[in-house]
Amino acid sequence: MYGLRGGSELGIGSRKEQPKGERSVIVREREVKGLGHSKLAAVGQGGVRWIQEIIDQTQLGAMQKSGEASDAGSGGGDAGDFCGFVNGRAKDSQLYVGVSSMASVCAGICQLAGVDVLSRTRVADVQFQSASKSWDLACQSEGGDGGADPHMFGFDAVVFAVHNPAFGAAAVQRLAAEARDEEIRARLSRLAAALQDLRDTQKGPLLPLRARFPAGSLSAQVPFDAATCPTSPDIQFICRHGSLPPGDATGEEMWTAVPTTRLSRELLQRGLDERGQCEELHQRLSGLLGSFFRDGGGGMPAPTRLSVKRWGAGLTLRPLGLREPCVGLEPWRLGICGDFLQAAPGGGPLEAAALSGYQMGDRVASWFAA
């Protein structure tokens, strides 16, 4: 396990002080437009480079080098470098957190752009109307408060900006079935098949565990604020949410453990409910952090609350590898974007999703240009 905190590189059972003048993590307050106040962890270039030099000398470094050709830019998967924090662009970048949660990022961007957002509503189906060259949507309210109209008609364009490529695959396959030109039908069918295969074979589930503990009970003993776990078969990444409200003001501190897709898939296949998933994931987390509490004799403190978020297609193991980061089908004004289409230069899935979305926005704007 490799962790970052202050000025040290940390491993379970050992601690090596960082060379003088190096700095691995800086935590400070900053106003982030659209995100509100957030604490950001700036991973200093020298600090992470120093950690990488250590990793390069280990068996993990050899494994990473041998897998670069096949896994480079994949977003990490279970390859031991979650979101590219060690090898990717994040090592030279400032890291931000959404406030009050990561879900607030999209809402903040839409608010800044003046976009009307219909929340607590699921789009169950989309239908292209050839006669009017428009899209109809079938919607379902998820809040029991009425929400959207069951059917919404006459949209000029549709963009799938979701983590699951199967939604785009279904829409493209429907267009293929209705296409009269044989070559167009074949090209659309190939795209639909590639997107569906990506969902079936290259998208892994994630069950991130969010655990709350009495304030100071973990942070006083665990010598890092975040850590990647490259050799663990169960947990990829651990971090403390010290900057997210309600934070320590409630007498609690919050930690997140991101499991591997292998463990997530195993727990789903076993049919465990949320409580069972929480217990299993907490047990694996305790196995990683338990060594920090052996000297005290009391063991790792019990959590006050546990919860799990299910992402059925949360992590792209290998992107589709397109030459461009998005798919734009202008004759139908249909767009597909996401981290699963093209690897980002920095290797992280968030960067890949953002770049894909940026280009998709440019494409849509060009469709309606005078």
Protein backbone atom coordinates (compact mmCIF):
# COMPACT_ATOMS: atom_id res chain seq x y z
CA MET A 1 0.00 0.00 0.00
CA TYR A 2 1.37 3.41 -0.92
CA GLY A 3 -0.04 6.43 0.88
CA LEU A 4 0.34 10.17 0.81
CA ARG A 5 0.31 12.48 3.78
CA GLY A 6 2.41 15.52 4.53
CA GLY A 7 5.95 14.61 3.58
CA SER A 8 6.29 10.85 3.83
CA GLU A 9 5.94 7.76 1.70
CA LEU A 10 4.22 5.12 3.75
CA GLY A 11 3.92 1.37 3.59
CA ILE A 12 2.20 -1.00 6.00
CA GLY A 13 4.56 -1.69 8.86
CA SER A 14 7.24 0.71 7.62
CA ARG A 15 7.79 4.42 7.21
CA LYS A 16 10.41 6.21 5.16
CA GLU A 17 10.82 9.92 5.64
CA GLN A 18 10.86 11.93 2.45
CA PRO A 19 14.09 13.64 1.38
CA LYS A 20 14.46 17.21 2.58
CA GLY A 21 12.84 19.71 0.28
CA GLU A 22 10.35 17.25 -1.22
CA ARG A 23 6.66 17.66 -0.58
CA SER A 24 4.08 15.09 -1.53
CA VAL A 25 0.74 16.55 -0.46
CA ILE A 26 -0.48 20.04 0.34
CA VAL A 27 -3.97 20.50 1.72
CA ARG A 28 -5.48 23.95 1.72
CA GLU A 29 -8.80 25.75 1.29
CA ARG A 30 -9.70 27.24 -2.05
CA GLU A 31 -12.79 28.68 -3.65
CA VAL A 32 -13.54 26.53 -6.68
CA LYS A 33 -16.01 28.09 -9.07
CA GLY A 34 -18.99 25.82 -9.48
CA LEU A 35 -17.85 23.52 -6.69
CA GLY A 36 -17.96 25.81 -3.66
CA HIS A 37 -15.31 25.68 -0.96
CA SER A 38 -13.23 22.56 -1.08
CA LYS A 39 -9.99 21.26 0.28
CA LEU A 40 -7.75 20.15 -2.49
CA ALA A 41 -4.82 17.81 -2.31
CA ALA A 42 -2.10 19.03 -4.64
CA VAL A 43 0.18 16.15 -5.44
CA GLY A 44 3.57 17.80 -5.81
CA GLN A 45 5.68 16.73 -8.78
CA GLY A 46 8.73 15.93 -6.67
CA GLY A 47 6.86 13.90 -4.07
CA VAL A 48 5.07 11.59 -6.44
CA ARG A 49 8.12 11.22 -8.66
CA TRP A 50 10.00 10.07 -5.58
CA ILE A 51 7.30 7.51 -4.81
CA GLN A 52 7.35 6.31 -8.42
CA GLU A 53 11.11 5.76 -8.24
CA ILE A 54 10.50 3.42 -5.29
CA ILE A 55 7.72 1.59 -7.13
CA ASP A 56 9.89 1.17 -10.24
CA GLN A 57 12.37 -0.83 -8.17
CA THR A 58 9.75 -3.29 -6.97
CA GLN A 59 7.92 -6.21 -8.54
CA LEU A 60 4.93 -3.91 -9.00
CA GLY A 61 7.02 -1.62 -11.20
CA ALA A 62 8.00 -4.56 -13.41
CA MET A 63 4.35 -5.62 -13.64
CA GLN A 64 3.30 -2.11 -14.65
CA LYS A 65 5.97 -1.90 -17.35
CA SER A 66 5.02 -5.26 -18.82
CA GLY A 67 1.35 -4.28 -18.94
CA GLU A 68 1.77 -0.78 -20.34
CA ALA A 69 1.16 -1.81 -23.92
CA SER A 70 -2.21 -3.37 -23.16
CA ASP A 71 -3.42 -1.29 -20.24
CA ALA A 72 -1.97 2.18 -20.84
CA GLY A 73 -4.61 4.81 -20.36
CA SER A 74 -7.31 2.35 -19.43
CA GLY A 75 -8.20 4.25 -16.29
CA GLY A 76 -6.57 1.78 -14.00
CA GLY A 77 -9.13 -0.97 -13.77
CA ASP A 78 -7.67 -3.42 -11.29
CA ALA A 79 -4.14 -2.77 -12.56
CA GLY A 80 -2.97 -1.28 -9.25
CA ASP A 81 -2.92 2.42 -10.11
CA PHE A 82 -6.44 3.60 -9.36
CA CYS A 83 -7.39 6.57 -11.61
CA GLY A 84 -3.73 7.04 -12.57
CA PHE A 85 -2.75 8.65 -9.26
CA VAL A 86 0.81 7.29 -9.50
CA ASN A 87 1.58 6.96 -13.21
CA GLY A 88 -1.04 9.26 -14.72
CA ARG A 89 -1.40 13.00 -15.06
CA ALA A 90 -2.75 13.30 -11.52
CA LYS A 91 0.80 13.07 -10.20
CA ASP A 92 1.49 16.59 -11.53
CA SER A 93 -1.98 18.06 -10.95
CA GLN A 94 -4.09 19.54 -8.23
CA LEU A 95 -6.85 17.21 -7.08
CA TYR A 96 -10.31 18.58 -6.31
CA VAL A 97 -13.34 17.26 -4.46
CA GLY A 98 -16.98 18.09 -5.12
CA VAL A 99 -18.91 19.80 -2.33
CA SER A 100 -21.19 18.66 -0.81
CA SER A 101 -20.57 15.47 -2.79
CA MET A 102 -19.14 14.47 -6.15
CA ALA A 103 -22.70 14.48 -7.49
CA SER A 104 -22.65 18.26 -7.02
CA VAL A 105 -20.06 18.71 -9.77
CA CYS A 106 -22.45 18.08 -12.69
CA ALA A 107 -25.20 20.09 -11.02
CA GLY A 108 -22.79 22.99 -10.50
CA ILE A 109 -21.65 22.93 -14.13
CA CYS A 110 -25.25 22.90 -15.39
CA GLN A 111 -26.12 25.81 -13.09
CA LEU A 112 -23.18 27.85 -14.37
CA ALA A 113 -24.21 27.15 -17.96
CA GLY A 114 -27.88 27.95 -17.35
CA VAL A 115 -29.00 24.44 -18.34
CA ASP A 116 -32.46 23.32 -17.28
CA VAL A 117 -32.11 20.04 -15.39
CA LEU A 118 -34.92 17.59 -14.69
CA SER A 119 -33.83 15.69 -11.61
CA ARG A 120 -35.07 12.45 -10.04
CA THR A 121 -36.14 11.29 -13.49
CA ARG A 122 -34.96 8.29 -15.47
CA VAL A 123 -35.10 8.16 -19.26
CA ALA A 124 -36.43 4.67 -19.91
CA ASP A 125 -36.45 4.77 -23.71
CA VAL A 126 -35.66 6.99 -26.70
CA GLN A 127 -37.27 6.80 -30.12
CA PHE A 128 -36.13 8.53 -33.32
CA GLN A 129 -38.96 9.83 -35.51
CA SER A 130 -37.82 9.71 -39.13
CA ALA A 131 -40.60 11.91 -40.44
CA SER A 132 -39.88 14.85 -38.13
CA LYS A 133 -36.15 14.10 -37.62
CA SER A 134 -36.69 14.41 -33.87
CA TRP A 135 -36.45 12.30 -30.73
CA ASP A 136 -39.15 11.23 -28.29
CA LEU A 137 -38.35 10.26 -24.71
CA ALA A 138 -40.17 7.92 -22.34
CA CYS A 139 -39.44 8.99 -18.75
CA GLN A 140 -40.01 7.58 -15.28
CA SER A 141 -40.04 9.57 -12.06
CA GLU A 142 -37.79 8.14 -9.35
CA GLY A 143 -38.99 10.31 -6.49
CA GLY A 144 -42.70 9.56 -6.37
CA ASP A 145 -43.35 13.31 -6.69
CA GLY A 146 -44.74 13.39 -10.20
CA GLY A 147 -41.42 14.46 -11.75
CA ALA A 148 -41.33 14.45 -15.52
CA ASP A 149 -44.15 13.81 -17.95
CA PRO A 150 -44.21 10.11 -18.90
CA HIS A 151 -43.62 11.07 -22.55
CA MET A 152 -41.64 14.02 -23.86
CA PHE A 153 -41.64 14.75 -27.58
CA GLY A 154 -39.80 16.66 -30.27
CA PHE A 155 -36.20 16.84 -29.08
CA ASP A 156 -33.79 18.02 -31.77
CA ALA A 157 -30.88 15.92 -30.50
CA VAL A 158 -30.03 13.26 -27.92
CA VAL A 159 -26.67 12.75 -26.22
CA PHE A 160 -25.90 9.69 -24.09
CA ALA A 161 -23.51 10.99 -21.42
CA VAL A 162 -23.66 7.99 -19.11
CA HIS A 163 -21.18 5.41 -17.82
CA ASN A 164 -23.01 2.46 -19.40
CA PRO A 165 -22.37 2.00 -23.16
CA ALA A 166 -25.32 -0.39 -23.45
CA PHE A 167 -27.75 2.54 -23.59
CA GLY A 168 -26.04 3.94 -26.66
CA ALA A 169 -25.75 0.46 -28.16
CA ALA A 170 -29.52 -0.07 -27.98
CA ALA A 171 -30.28 3.28 -29.64
CA VAL A 172 -27.75 2.72 -32.43
CA GLN A 173 -29.02 -0.81 -33.08
CA ARG A 174 -32.54 0.56 -33.46
CA LEU A 175 -31.30 3.08 -36.01
CA ALA A 176 -29.55 0.25 -37.86
CA ALA A 177 -32.75 -1.77 -38.03
CA GLU A 178 -34.55 1.18 -39.62
CA ALA A 179 -31.78 2.14 -42.06
CA ARG A 180 -32.58 1.52 -45.72
CA ASP A 181 -29.03 1.77 -47.03
CA GLU A 182 -27.22 -1.55 -46.60
CA GLU A 183 -23.79 -0.02 -45.95
CA ILE A 184 -25.16 2.41 -43.36
CA ARG A 185 -27.06 -0.43 -41.71
CA ALA A 186 -23.87 -2.50 -41.50
CA ARG A 187 -21.79 0.35 -40.04
CA LEU A 188 -24.39 1.15 -37.42
CA SER A 189 -24.70 -2.53 -36.51
CA ARG A 190 -20.95 -2.81 -36.03
CA LEU A 191 -20.91 0.24 -33.77
CA ALA A 192 -23.83 -1.11 -31.72
CA ALA A 193 -22.15 -4.50 -31.37
CA ALA A 194 -18.85 -2.91 -30.29
CA LEU A 195 -20.59 -0.80 -27.63
CA GLN A 196 -22.54 -3.77 -26.31
CA ASP A 197 -19.41 -5.96 -26.24
CA LEU A 198 -17.65 -3.20 -24.33
CA ARG A 199 -20.41 -3.28 -21.72
CA ASP A 200 -20.36 -7.06 -21.49
CA THR A 201 -16.60 -7.61 -21.31
CA GLN A 202 -14.78 -4.36 -20.45
CA LYS A 203 -16.95 -2.60 -17.88
CA GLY A 204 -16.49 -3.67 -14.30
CA PRO A 205 -18.85 -3.10 -11.35
CA LEU A 206 -17.78 -1.09 -8.32
CA LEU A 207 -19.20 -1.11 -4.80
CA PRO A 208 -17.46 1.79 -3.01
CA LEU A 209 -17.78 1.58 0.76
CA ARG A 210 -18.37 4.77 2.72
CA ALA A 211 -17.55 4.32 6.39
CA ARG A 212 -17.94 6.78 9.25
CA PHE A 213 -15.91 6.48 12.43
CA PRO A 214 -15.68 8.55 15.64
CA ALA A 215 -13.65 11.67 14.89
CA GLY A 216 -9.93 11.05 15.28
CA SER A 217 -10.26 7.32 15.81
CA LEU A 218 -8.70 6.42 12.44
CA SER A 219 -6.91 9.60 11.40
CA ALA A 220 -4.88 9.68 14.63
CA GLN A 221 -3.47 6.22 13.90
CA VAL A 222 -3.49 5.78 10.13
CA PRO A 223 -0.50 7.73 8.75
CA PHE A 224 -2.02 8.87 5.45
CA ASP A 225 -5.05 10.63 4.06
CA ALA A 226 -5.21 8.61 0.84
CA ALA A 227 -3.57 5.48 -0.47
CA THR A 228 -3.55 3.31 -3.56
CA CYS A 229 -3.34 -0.42 -2.84
CA PRO A 230 -1.56 -1.96 -5.85
CA THR A 231 -1.07 -5.45 -4.43
CA SER A 232 -4.43 -5.91 -2.73
CA PRO A 233 -6.89 -8.23 -4.51
CA ASP A 234 -9.75 -6.58 -2.65
CA ILE A 235 -9.26 -2.81 -2.21
CA GLN A 236 -7.88 -0.42 -4.86
CA PHE A 237 -8.02 2.92 -3.11
CA ILE A 238 -8.65 4.38 0.36
CA CYS A 239 -9.19 8.03 1.18
CA ARG A 240 -10.39 10.21 4.03
CA HIS A 241 -13.03 12.81 3.23
CA GLY A 242 -11.80 15.48 5.62
CA SER A 243 -13.02 18.27 3.35
CA LEU A 244 -16.59 17.09 2.81
CA PRO A 245 -19.38 18.36 5.06
CA PRO A 246 -20.65 17.54 7.59
CA GLY A 247 -17.12 16.20 8.18
CA ASP A 248 -15.58 16.18 11.62
CA ALA A 249 -18.07 18.77 12.93
CA THR A 250 -20.52 15.94 13.59
CA GLY A 251 -18.05 14.07 15.77
CA GLU A 252 -17.35 11.65 12.92
CA GLU A 253 -14.79 11.25 10.18
CA MET A 254 -15.64 9.69 6.83
CA TRP A 255 -13.54 7.31 4.76
CA THR A 256 -14.14 5.69 1.39
CA ALA A 257 -12.71 2.36 0.25
CA VAL A 258 -12.97 1.52 -3.45
CA PRO A 259 -12.89 -2.27 -3.98
CA THR A 260 -11.52 -4.02 -7.02
CA THR A 261 -13.95 -4.96 -9.75
CA ARG A 262 -13.14 -8.60 -8.99
CA LEU A 263 -14.39 -8.31 -5.41
CA SER A 264 -17.35 -6.14 -6.44
CA ARG A 265 -18.45 -8.70 -9.00
CA GLU A 266 -18.04 -11.51 -6.47
CA LEU A 267 -20.26 -9.77 -3.91
CA LEU A 268 -22.93 -9.08 -6.53
CA GLN A 269 -22.88 -12.68 -7.76
CA ARG A 270 -23.34 -13.89 -4.20
CA GLY A 271 -26.57 -11.90 -4.03
CA LEU A 272 -25.68 -10.02 -0.85
CA ASP A 273 -27.92 -7.16 0.20
CA GLU A 274 -26.43 -3.78 1.14
CA ARG A 275 -25.87 -4.81 4.73
CA GLY A 276 -24.01 -7.95 3.69
CA GLN A 277 -21.92 -5.97 1.19
CA CYS A 278 -21.04 -3.43 3.90
CA GLU A 279 -19.93 -6.17 6.28
CA GLU A 280 -17.76 -7.89 3.68
CA LEU A 281 -16.12 -4.66 2.50
CA HIS A 282 -15.52 -3.45 6.05
CA GLN A 283 -13.84 -6.75 6.84
CA ARG A 284 -11.46 -6.32 3.87
CA LEU A 285 -10.76 -2.69 4.84
CA SER A 286 -9.99 -3.78 8.40
CA GLY A 287 -7.54 -6.31 7.03
CA LEU A 288 -5.58 -3.52 5.33
CA LEU A 289 -5.66 -0.99 8.17
CA GLY A 290 -5.58 -3.33 11.15
CA SER A 291 -1.78 -3.28 11.43
CA PHE A 292 -1.88 0.39 12.45
CA PHE A 293 -3.85 -0.53 15.59
CA ARG A 294 -1.92 -3.56 16.83
CA ASP A 295 0.29 -1.66 19.27
CA GLY A 296 -2.67 -0.24 21.19
CA GLY A 297 -4.18 -3.64 21.76
CA GLY A 298 -7.74 -2.43 21.20
CA GLY A 299 -7.94 -3.18 17.52
CA MET A 300 -9.46 -1.07 14.79
CA PRO A 301 -12.40 1.06 16.01
CA ALA A 302 -15.91 0.06 15.06
CA PRO A 303 -17.64 2.23 12.43
CA THR A 304 -20.65 4.29 13.38
CA ARG A 305 -22.23 4.00 9.93
CA LEU A 306 -21.59 2.04 6.74
CA SER A 307 -23.09 2.43 3.28
CA VAL A 308 -22.40 1.14 -0.23
CA LYS A 309 -22.95 2.79 -3.60
CA ARG A 310 -23.57 0.40 -6.48
CA TRP A 311 -22.11 1.23 -9.89
CA GLY A 312 -23.00 -1.68 -12.11
CA ALA A 313 -20.70 -0.49 -14.90
CA GLY A 314 -18.56 1.85 -12.89
CA LEU A 315 -15.06 1.24 -14.23
CA THR A 316 -13.76 0.80 -17.76
CA LEU A 317 -11.19 -1.97 -17.87
CA ARG A 318 -10.23 -1.23 -21.47
CA PRO A 319 -11.72 1.57 -23.62
CA LEU A 320 -13.07 1.05 -27.11
CA GLY A 321 -9.99 2.77 -28.57
CA LEU A 322 -11.67 5.10 -31.07
CA ARG A 323 -9.62 7.72 -32.90
CA GLU A 324 -11.88 10.40 -31.43
CA PRO A 325 -13.18 10.65 -27.84
CA CYS A 326 -16.89 10.73 -28.75
CA VAL A 327 -19.38 9.37 -31.26
CA GLY A 328 -21.48 11.82 -33.25
CA LEU A 329 -24.12 10.57 -35.70
CA GLU A 330 -25.14 13.83 -37.33
CA PRO A 331 -27.91 12.53 -39.66
CA TRP A 332 -29.83 11.50 -36.56
CA ARG A 333 -28.31 14.08 -34.19
CA LEU A 334 -27.34 11.33 -31.78
CA GLY A 335 -24.25 11.62 -29.61
CA ILE A 336 -22.44 9.20 -27.29
CA CYS A 337 -19.69 10.26 -24.91
CA GLY A 338 -17.97 8.76 -21.91
CA ASP A 339 -14.72 7.43 -20.49
CA PHE A 340 -15.17 4.14 -22.33
CA LEU A 341 -14.53 5.43 -25.88
CA GLN A 342 -10.92 6.65 -25.84
CA ALA A 343 -8.12 6.65 -23.28
CA ALA A 344 -7.16 10.06 -21.90
CA PRO A 345 -3.54 11.28 -22.15
CA GLY A 346 -3.30 11.33 -18.35
CA GLY A 347 -4.78 7.87 -17.94
CA GLY A 348 -7.66 8.75 -15.60
CA PRO A 349 -11.34 7.98 -16.28
CA LEU A 350 -12.53 11.41 -15.11
CA GLU A 351 -10.21 13.10 -17.61
CA ALA A 352 -11.38 10.75 -20.36
CA ALA A 353 -15.02 11.51 -19.57
CA ALA A 354 -14.40 15.27 -19.50
CA LEU A 355 -12.51 15.33 -22.81
CA SER A 356 -15.19 13.18 -24.41
CA GLY A 357 -17.91 15.51 -23.15
CA TYR A 358 -16.07 18.63 -24.32
CA GLN A 359 -15.77 17.34 -27.87
CA MET A 360 -19.35 16.08 -27.85
CA GLY A 361 -20.50 19.58 -26.92
CA ASP A 362 -18.56 21.04 -29.85
CA ARG A 363 -20.10 18.46 -32.18
CA VAL A 364 -23.64 19.23 -31.07
CA ALA A 365 -23.01 22.97 -31.42
CA SER A 366 -21.79 22.42 -34.99
CA TRP A 367 -25.01 20.59 -35.84
CA PHE A 368 -27.02 23.70 -35.02
CA ALA A 369 -24.57 26.30 -36.37
CA ALA A 370 -26.03 28.77 -38.83
